[in-house]
Amino acid sequence: MQQYLDIQKSLAKADAVDNFTDDNFSVGEAYLAKNNDTVRNAYLAKDKIEQTNDIADIMIDSIDQNEEQDENNLLQY
């Protein structure tokens, strides 16, 4: 019986982490995340990666705009 409960807990953790990828988790999963370090850390890691990606996208857009502006300046001369 204990093995069954351990498997169910592991499956619940896996489902919670999986649902965090689209920020679509249930109240039960939110409770699990609040009370489980592994799930909470996985969510925080995902959030950190998304923030890093957003920053990288902004930097790439800025570089592209600067290169385009430099190209236009060269064409004017």
C-alpha atoms as a PDB file:
ATOM      1  CA  MET A   1       0.000   0.000   0.000  1.00  0.00           C
ATOM      2  CA  GLN A   2       2.838   2.425   0.843  1.00  0.00           C
ATOM      3  CA  GLN A   3       4.467   1.751  -2.525  1.00  0.00           C
ATOM      4  CA  TYR A   4       1.187   2.656  -4.253  1.00  0.00           C
ATOM      5  CA  LEU A   5       0.987   5.936  -2.303  1.00  0.00           C
ATOM      6  CA  ASP A   6       4.605   6.761  -3.151  1.00  0.00           C
ATOM      7  CA  ILE A   7       3.906   6.145  -6.845  1.00  0.00           C
ATOM      8  CA  GLN A   8       0.799   8.360  -6.719  1.00  0.00           C
ATOM      9  CA  LYS A   9       2.768  11.151  -5.035  1.00  0.00           C
ATOM     10  CA  SER A  10       5.492  10.886  -7.662  1.00  0.00           C
ATOM     11  CA  LEU A  11       2.931  10.994 -10.458  1.00  0.00           C
ATOM     12  CA  ALA A  12       1.269  14.052  -8.882  1.00  0.00           C
ATOM     13  CA  LYS A  13       4.645  15.802  -8.688  1.00  0.00           C
ATOM     14  CA  ALA A  14       5.406  14.948 -12.318  1.00  0.00           C
ATOM     15  CA  ASP A  15       1.985  16.205 -13.452  1.00  0.00           C
ATOM     16  CA  ALA A  16       2.408  19.430 -11.492  1.00  0.00           C
ATOM     17  CA  VAL A  17       5.824  20.106 -13.007  1.00  0.00           C
ATOM     18  CA  ASP A  18       4.520  19.242 -16.478  1.00  0.00           C
ATOM     19  CA  ASN A  19       1.557  21.609 -16.118  1.00  0.00           C
ATOM     20  CA  PHE A  20       3.826  24.439 -15.028  1.00  0.00           C
ATOM     21  CA  THR A  21       5.190  24.618 -18.551  1.00  0.00           C
ATOM     22  CA  ASP A  22       1.967  26.239 -19.701  1.00  0.00           C
ATOM     23  CA  ASP A  23       1.057  27.843 -16.338  1.00  0.00           C
ATOM     24  CA  ASN A  24      -2.138  25.805 -16.357  1.00  0.00           C
ATOM     25  CA  PHE A  25      -2.260  24.000 -13.046  1.00  0.00           C
ATOM     26  CA  SER A  26      -5.111  23.098 -10.737  1.00  0.00           C
ATOM     27  CA  VAL A  27      -5.720  24.161  -7.171  1.00  0.00           C
ATOM     28  CA  GLY A  28      -4.414  20.789  -5.998  1.00  0.00           C
ATOM     29  CA  GLU A  29      -1.243  21.225  -8.026  1.00  0.00           C
ATOM     30  CA  ALA A  30      -0.812  24.747  -6.672  1.00  0.00           C
ATOM     31  CA  TYR A  31      -1.140  23.323  -3.157  1.00  0.00           C
ATOM     32  CA  LEU A  32       1.433  20.664  -4.031  1.00  0.00           C
ATOM     33  CA  ALA A  33       3.811  23.327  -5.323  1.00  0.00           C
ATOM     34  CA  LYS A  34       3.329  25.422  -2.199  1.00  0.00           C
ATOM     35  CA  ASN A  35       4.130  22.482   0.050  1.00  0.00           C
ATOM     36  CA  ASN A  36       6.771  20.643  -1.962  1.00  0.00           C
ATOM     37  CA  ASP A  37      10.306  21.953  -2.414  1.00  0.00           C
ATOM     38  CA  THR A  38      11.018  19.845  -5.521  1.00  0.00           C
ATOM     39  CA  VAL A  39       7.970  21.066  -7.423  1.00  0.00           C
ATOM     40  CA  ARG A  40       8.403  24.664  -6.271  1.00  0.00           C
ATOM     41  CA  ASN A  41      12.066  24.674  -7.292  1.00  0.00           C
ATOM     42  CA  ALA A  42      11.185  23.232 -10.698  1.00  0.00           C
ATOM     43  CA  TYR A  43       8.633  26.004 -11.215  1.00  0.00           C
ATOM     44  CA  LEU A  44      11.093  28.682 -10.123  1.00  0.00           C
ATOM     45  CA  ALA A  45      13.755  27.265 -12.432  1.00  0.00           C
ATOM     46  CA  LYS A  46      11.296  27.327 -15.339  1.00  0.00           C
ATOM     47  CA  ASP A  47      10.341  30.909 -14.507  1.00  0.00           C
ATOM     48  CA  LYS A  48      14.017  31.933 -14.362  1.00  0.00           C
ATOM     49  CA  ILE A  49      14.658  30.344 -17.764  1.00  0.00           C
ATOM     50  CA  GLU A  50      11.672  32.183 -19.251  1.00  0.00           C
ATOM     51  CA  GLN A  51      12.893  35.498 -17.837  1.00  0.00           C
ATOM     52  CA  THR A  52      16.371  34.861 -19.215  1.00  0.00           C
ATOM     53  CA  ASN A  53      14.870  34.080 -22.628  1.00  0.00           C
ATOM     54  CA  ASP A  54      12.838  37.303 -22.522  1.00  0.00           C
ATOM     55  CA  ILE A  55      15.972  39.315 -21.724  1.00  0.00           C
ATOM     56  CA  ALA A  56      17.873  37.577 -24.526  1.00  0.00           C
ATOM     57  CA  ASP A  57      15.050  38.362 -26.984  1.00  0.00           C
ATOM     58  CA  ILE A  58      15.138  42.032 -25.995  1.00  0.00           C
ATOM     59  CA  MET A  59      18.919  42.130 -26.433  1.00  0.00           C
ATOM     60  CA  ILE A  60      18.729  40.435 -29.836  1.00  0.00           C
ATOM     61  CA  ASP A  61      16.042  42.877 -30.997  1.00  0.00           C
ATOM     62  CA  SER A  62      18.182  45.777 -29.811  1.00  0.00           C
ATOM     63  CA  ILE A  63      21.246  44.449 -31.635  1.00  0.00           C
ATOM     64  CA  ASP A  64      19.216  43.914 -34.807  1.00  0.00           C
ATOM     65  CA  GLN A  65      17.858  47.465 -34.620  1.00  0.00           C
ATOM     66  CA  ASN A  66      21.349  48.879 -34.083  1.00  0.00           C
ATOM     67  CA  GLU A  67      22.736  46.922 -37.014  1.00  0.00           C
ATOM     68  CA  GLU A  68      19.876  48.074 -39.219  1.00  0.00           C
ATOM     69  CA  GLN A  69      20.421  51.667 -38.141  1.00  0.00           C
ATOM     70  CA  ASP A  70      24.178  51.390 -38.818  1.00  0.00           C
ATOM     71  CA  GLU A  71      23.430  49.939 -42.248  1.00  0.00           C
ATOM     72  CA  ASN A  72      21.070  52.812 -43.040  1.00  0.00           C
ATOM     73  CA  ASN A  73      23.671  55.335 -41.893  1.00  0.00           C
ATOM     74  CA  LEU A  74      26.264  53.779 -44.188  1.00  0.00           C
ATOM     75  CA  LEU A  75      23.870  53.884 -47.134  1.00  0.00           C
ATOM     76  CA  GLN A  76      23.341  57.614 -46.613  1.00  0.00           C
ATOM     77  CA  TYR A  77      27.033  58.366 -47.187  1.00  0.00           C
END
